[in-house]
């Protein structure tokens, strides 16, 4: 089984050869405008455009669903709905939904295998979504690593 490779740098600019999928967490309310999505939008407009179209269409726009958007010859962005709303609820529960993230990553394995792609990400779910890496990392191991994916996690310098 592969291990997660931790790198310093920008997850929107992977330096690995071959096909690459950049993954990130989206909310289930159609909001796009803070966090890692800003770095994505700075590089490519299509992931945001497709996410907004998907939200407007209401076609399978649910927690645990993914949307693949090709942005370059060898790069895709995967919009993953793994966050409920955008703020913690009245009991202090953060927006991250770990079960939804796991479903997203399970679906991603087949998409990545189809195009023989490596997976690239920041520490997903640990920013505005309020998640903990100690929860996310084992989910990545159970899904992507178990699926024999090459996984790169970027810490921005």
C-alpha atoms as a PDB file:
ATOM      1  CA  UNK A   1       0.000   0.000   0.000  1.00  0.00           C
ATOM      2  CA  UNK A   2       1.218   3.501  -0.829  1.00  0.00           C
ATOM      3  CA  UNK A   3       1.765   6.171   1.817  1.00  0.00           C
ATOM      4  CA  UNK A   4       0.750   9.819   1.730  1.00  0.00           C
ATOM      5  CA  UNK A   5       3.599  12.011   0.506  1.00  0.00           C
ATOM      6  CA  UNK A   6       3.697  15.388   2.233  1.00  0.00           C
ATOM      7  CA  UNK A   7       5.111  18.261   0.185  1.00  0.00           C
ATOM      8  CA  UNK A   8       5.654  21.977   0.682  1.00  0.00           C
ATOM      9  CA  UNK A   9       4.068  24.078  -2.023  1.00  0.00           C
ATOM     10  CA  UNK A  10       0.911  24.905  -3.922  1.00  0.00           C
ATOM     11  CA  UNK A  11      -1.589  22.072  -4.433  1.00  0.00           C
ATOM     12  CA  UNK A  12      -2.906  23.848  -7.553  1.00  0.00           C
ATOM     13  CA  UNK A  13       0.518  23.496  -9.171  1.00  0.00           C
ATOM     14  CA  UNK A  14       1.574  19.838  -8.817  1.00  0.00           C
ATOM     15  CA  UNK A  15       5.047  19.035 -10.179  1.00  0.00           C
ATOM     16  CA  UNK A  16       4.456  15.291 -10.638  1.00  0.00           C
ATOM     17  CA  UNK A  17       4.463  13.743 -14.126  1.00  0.00           C
ATOM     18  CA  UNK A  18       1.328  12.171 -15.585  1.00  0.00           C
ATOM     19  CA  UNK A  19      -2.372  12.763 -15.021  1.00  0.00           C
ATOM     20  CA  UNK A  20      -3.284  14.562 -11.813  1.00  0.00           C
ATOM     21  CA  UNK A  21      -6.507  15.175  -9.906  1.00  0.00           C
ATOM     22  CA  UNK A  22      -6.604  18.105  -7.483  1.00  0.00           C
ATOM     23  CA  UNK A  23      -9.266  17.479  -4.865  1.00  0.00           C
ATOM     24  CA  UNK A  24     -10.979  19.800  -2.423  1.00  0.00           C
ATOM     25  CA  UNK A  25     -14.065  19.986  -0.218  1.00  0.00           C
ATOM     26  CA  UNK A  26     -17.141  21.980  -1.261  1.00  0.00           C
ATOM     27  CA  UNK A  27     -20.244  22.817   0.733  1.00  0.00           C
ATOM     28  CA  UNK A  28     -23.776  21.646  -0.030  1.00  0.00           C
ATOM     29  CA  UNK A  29     -25.152  25.194  -0.254  1.00  0.00           C
ATOM     30  CA  UNK A  30     -23.590  26.338  -3.520  1.00  0.00           C
ATOM     31  CA  UNK A  31     -21.170  28.728  -1.824  1.00  0.00           C
ATOM     32  CA  UNK A  32     -17.772  29.277  -3.450  1.00  0.00           C
ATOM     33  CA  UNK A  33     -15.598  32.165  -2.373  1.00  0.00           C
ATOM     34  CA  UNK A  34     -13.340  31.413   0.594  1.00  0.00           C
ATOM     35  CA  UNK A  35     -10.462  29.097   1.364  1.00  0.00           C
ATOM     36  CA  UNK A  36      -8.708  26.812  -1.122  1.00  0.00           C
ATOM     37  CA  UNK A  37     -11.316  27.478  -3.830  1.00  0.00           C
ATOM     38  CA  UNK A  38      -9.828  30.950  -4.202  1.00  0.00           C
ATOM     39  CA  UNK A  39      -6.503  29.416  -5.266  1.00  0.00           C
ATOM     40  CA  UNK A  40      -8.354  27.152  -7.717  1.00  0.00           C
ATOM     41  CA  UNK A  41     -10.348  30.061  -9.176  1.00  0.00           C
ATOM     42  CA  UNK A  42      -7.191  32.127  -9.533  1.00  0.00           C
ATOM     43  CA  UNK A  43      -5.770  29.449 -11.849  1.00  0.00           C
ATOM     44  CA  UNK A  44      -8.904  28.177 -13.604  1.00  0.00           C
ATOM     45  CA  UNK A  45     -12.470  29.477 -13.916  1.00  0.00           C
ATOM     46  CA  UNK A  46     -14.093  26.217 -15.005  1.00  0.00           C
ATOM     47  CA  UNK A  47     -14.235  24.380 -11.625  1.00  0.00           C
ATOM     48  CA  UNK A  48     -16.273  27.215 -10.092  1.00  0.00           C
ATOM     49  CA  UNK A  49     -18.457  27.571 -13.194  1.00  0.00           C
ATOM     50  CA  UNK A  50     -19.203  23.837 -13.243  1.00  0.00           C
ATOM     51  CA  UNK A  51     -19.853  23.741  -9.484  1.00  0.00           C
ATOM     52  CA  UNK A  52     -22.352  26.601  -9.752  1.00  0.00           C
ATOM     53  CA  UNK A  53     -24.066  24.918 -12.735  1.00  0.00           C
ATOM     54  CA  UNK A  54     -24.244  21.668 -10.792  1.00  0.00           C
ATOM     55  CA  UNK A  55     -25.776  23.457  -7.789  1.00  0.00           C
ATOM     56  CA  UNK A  56     -28.336  25.263  -9.991  1.00  0.00           C
ATOM     57  CA  UNK A  57     -29.324  22.064 -11.789  1.00  0.00           C
ATOM     58  CA  UNK A  58     -29.887  20.267  -8.452  1.00  0.00           C
ATOM     59  CA  UNK A  59     -28.883  17.042 -10.245  1.00  0.00           C
ATOM     60  CA  UNK A  60     -27.377  14.816  -7.573  1.00  0.00           C
ATOM     61  CA  UNK A  61     -25.954  17.841  -5.723  1.00  0.00           C
ATOM     62  CA  UNK A  62     -25.711  16.068  -2.372  1.00  0.00           C
ATOM     63  CA  UNK A  63     -23.247  15.305   0.387  1.00  0.00           C
ATOM     64  CA  UNK A  64     -20.921  12.514  -0.744  1.00  0.00           C
ATOM     65  CA  UNK A  65     -21.087  13.368  -4.457  1.00  0.00           C
ATOM     66  CA  UNK A  66     -18.195  14.428  -6.680  1.00  0.00           C
ATOM     67  CA  UNK A  67     -17.783  16.411  -9.873  1.00  0.00           C
ATOM     68  CA  UNK A  68     -14.718  16.030 -12.106  1.00  0.00           C
ATOM     69  CA  UNK A  69     -13.678  19.078 -14.140  1.00  0.00           C
ATOM     70  CA  UNK A  70     -10.827  18.836 -16.632  1.00  0.00           C
ATOM     71  CA  UNK A  71      -8.802  22.068 -16.538  1.00  0.00           C
ATOM     72  CA  UNK A  72      -5.686  21.130 -18.524  1.00  0.00           C
ATOM     73  CA  UNK A  73      -4.585  18.219 -20.689  1.00  0.00           C
ATOM     74  CA  UNK A  74      -3.346  16.290 -17.660  1.00  0.00           C
ATOM     75  CA  UNK A  75      -5.100  18.022 -14.731  1.00  0.00           C
ATOM     76  CA  UNK A  76      -8.610  17.601 -13.336  1.00  0.00           C
ATOM     77  CA  UNK A  77     -10.185  19.332 -10.345  1.00  0.00           C
ATOM     78  CA  UNK A  78     -12.549  17.231  -8.259  1.00  0.00           C
ATOM     79  CA  UNK A  79     -15.274  19.196  -6.474  1.00  0.00           C
ATOM     80  CA  UNK A  80     -16.283  16.998  -3.517  1.00  0.00           C
ATOM     81  CA  UNK A  81     -19.380  17.804  -1.472  1.00  0.00           C
ATOM     82  CA  UNK A  82     -18.197  16.976   2.025  1.00  0.00           C
ATOM     83  CA  UNK A  83     -19.348  19.977   3.999  1.00  0.00           C
ATOM     84  CA  UNK A  84     -22.860  20.775   5.296  1.00  0.00           C
ATOM     85  CA  UNK A  85     -23.545  24.512   5.229  1.00  0.00           C
ATOM     86  CA  UNK A  86     -20.679  26.916   5.884  1.00  0.00           C
ATOM     87  CA  UNK A  87     -20.614  27.526   9.634  1.00  0.00           C
ATOM     88  CA  UNK A  88     -20.791  25.421  12.786  1.00  0.00           C
ATOM     89  CA  UNK A  89     -24.306  24.700  14.011  1.00  0.00           C
ATOM     90  CA  UNK A  90     -25.760  25.878  17.339  1.00  0.00           C
ATOM     91  CA  UNK A  91     -24.195  22.872  19.129  1.00  0.00           C
ATOM     92  CA  UNK A  92     -20.774  23.805  17.754  1.00  0.00           C
ATOM     93  CA  UNK A  93     -20.645  20.953  15.203  1.00  0.00           C
ATOM     94  CA  UNK A  94     -18.383  22.087  12.341  1.00  0.00           C
ATOM     95  CA  UNK A  95     -19.542  21.920   8.699  1.00  0.00           C
ATOM     96  CA  UNK A  96     -17.273  18.969   7.788  1.00  0.00           C
ATOM     97  CA  UNK A  97     -19.092  15.659   7.270  1.00  0.00           C
ATOM     98  CA  UNK A  98     -16.521  12.872   7.507  1.00  0.00           C
ATOM     99  CA  UNK A  99     -18.921  10.209   6.163  1.00  0.00           C
ATOM    100  CA  UNK A 100     -19.534  12.361   3.074  1.00  0.00           C
ATOM    101  CA  UNK A 101     -15.789  12.872   2.580  1.00  0.00           C
ATOM    102  CA  UNK A 102     -15.313   9.103   2.727  1.00  0.00           C
ATOM    103  CA  UNK A 103     -18.048   8.546   0.110  1.00  0.00           C
ATOM    104  CA  UNK A 104     -16.444  11.171  -2.125  1.00  0.00           C
ATOM    105  CA  UNK A 105     -13.025   9.534  -1.874  1.00  0.00           C
ATOM    106  CA  UNK A 106     -14.482   6.073  -2.548  1.00  0.00           C
ATOM    107  CA  UNK A 107     -16.020   7.424  -5.781  1.00  0.00           C
ATOM    108  CA  UNK A 108     -12.790   9.190  -6.670  1.00  0.00           C
ATOM    109  CA  UNK A 109     -10.762   5.947  -6.672  1.00  0.00           C
ATOM    110  CA  UNK A 110     -12.529   4.613  -9.781  1.00  0.00           C
ATOM    111  CA  UNK A 111     -12.312   7.956 -11.596  1.00  0.00           C
ATOM    112  CA  UNK A 112      -8.580   8.160 -10.847  1.00  0.00           C
ATOM    113  CA  UNK A 113      -7.979   4.574 -11.963  1.00  0.00           C
ATOM    114  CA  UNK A 114      -9.841   5.251 -15.231  1.00  0.00           C
ATOM    115  CA  UNK A 115      -7.383   8.002 -16.145  1.00  0.00           C
ATOM    116  CA  UNK A 116      -4.335   6.645 -14.265  1.00  0.00           C
ATOM    117  CA  UNK A 117      -4.059   9.802 -12.150  1.00  0.00           C
ATOM    118  CA  UNK A 118      -2.300  10.731  -8.933  1.00  0.00           C
ATOM    119  CA  UNK A 119      -4.233  12.659  -6.264  1.00  0.00           C
ATOM    120  CA  UNK A 120      -3.175  16.117  -5.014  1.00  0.00           C
ATOM    121  CA  UNK A 121      -4.706  18.157  -2.202  1.00  0.00           C
ATOM    122  CA  UNK A 122      -4.201  20.587   0.632  1.00  0.00           C
ATOM    123  CA  UNK A 123      -5.179  19.217   4.059  1.00  0.00           C
ATOM    124  CA  UNK A 124      -8.779  18.858   2.907  1.00  0.00           C
ATOM    125  CA  UNK A 125     -11.565  19.627   5.324  1.00  0.00           C
ATOM    126  CA  UNK A 126      -9.234  21.185   7.903  1.00  0.00           C
ATOM    127  CA  UNK A 127      -9.682  24.850   7.066  1.00  0.00           C
ATOM    128  CA  UNK A 128     -13.072  26.534   6.900  1.00  0.00           C
ATOM    129  CA  UNK A 129     -14.875  23.171   7.156  1.00  0.00           C
ATOM    130  CA  UNK A 130     -13.499  22.788  10.692  1.00  0.00           C
ATOM    131  CA  UNK A 131     -12.289  19.211  10.371  1.00  0.00           C
ATOM    132  CA  UNK A 132      -9.307  17.565  12.027  1.00  0.00           C
ATOM    133  CA  UNK A 133      -6.481  15.998  10.028  1.00  0.00           C
ATOM    134  CA  UNK A 134      -6.380  13.124  12.552  1.00  0.00           C
ATOM    135  CA  UNK A 135      -9.879  12.231  11.259  1.00  0.00           C
ATOM    136  CA  UNK A 136      -9.232  12.884   7.558  1.00  0.00           C
ATOM    137  CA  UNK A 137      -5.901  11.040   7.247  1.00  0.00           C
ATOM    138  CA  UNK A 138      -7.354   7.594   8.169  1.00  0.00           C
ATOM    139  CA  UNK A 139     -10.205   8.175   5.691  1.00  0.00           C
ATOM    140  CA  UNK A 140      -7.606   8.790   2.980  1.00  0.00           C
ATOM    141  CA  UNK A 141      -5.832   5.573   4.010  1.00  0.00           C
ATOM    142  CA  UNK A 142      -9.076   3.520   3.882  1.00  0.00           C
ATOM    143  CA  UNK A 143     -10.062   4.855   0.475  1.00  0.00           C
ATOM    144  CA  UNK A 144      -7.321   6.298  -1.722  1.00  0.00           C
ATOM    145  CA  UNK A 145      -4.334   4.410  -0.316  1.00  0.00           C
ATOM    146  CA  UNK A 146      -6.302   1.151  -0.127  1.00  0.00           C
ATOM    147  CA  UNK A 147      -7.180   1.784  -3.788  1.00  0.00           C
ATOM    148  CA  UNK A 148      -3.433   1.985  -4.508  1.00  0.00           C
ATOM    149  CA  UNK A 149      -3.541   5.689  -5.381  1.00  0.00           C
ATOM    150  CA  UNK A 150      -0.494   7.940  -5.246  1.00  0.00           C
ATOM    151  CA  UNK A 151      -1.502  10.710  -2.839  1.00  0.00           C
ATOM    152  CA  UNK A 152       0.248  14.048  -2.334  1.00  0.00           C
ATOM    153  CA  UNK A 153      -0.716  16.478   0.431  1.00  0.00           C
ATOM    154  CA  UNK A 154       0.584  20.031   0.145  1.00  0.00           C
ATOM    155  CA  UNK A 155       1.335  22.395   2.975  1.00  0.00           C
ATOM    156  CA  UNK A 156       1.472  25.897   1.508  1.00  0.00           C
ATOM    157  CA  UNK A 157       4.688  27.762   2.403  1.00  0.00           C
END
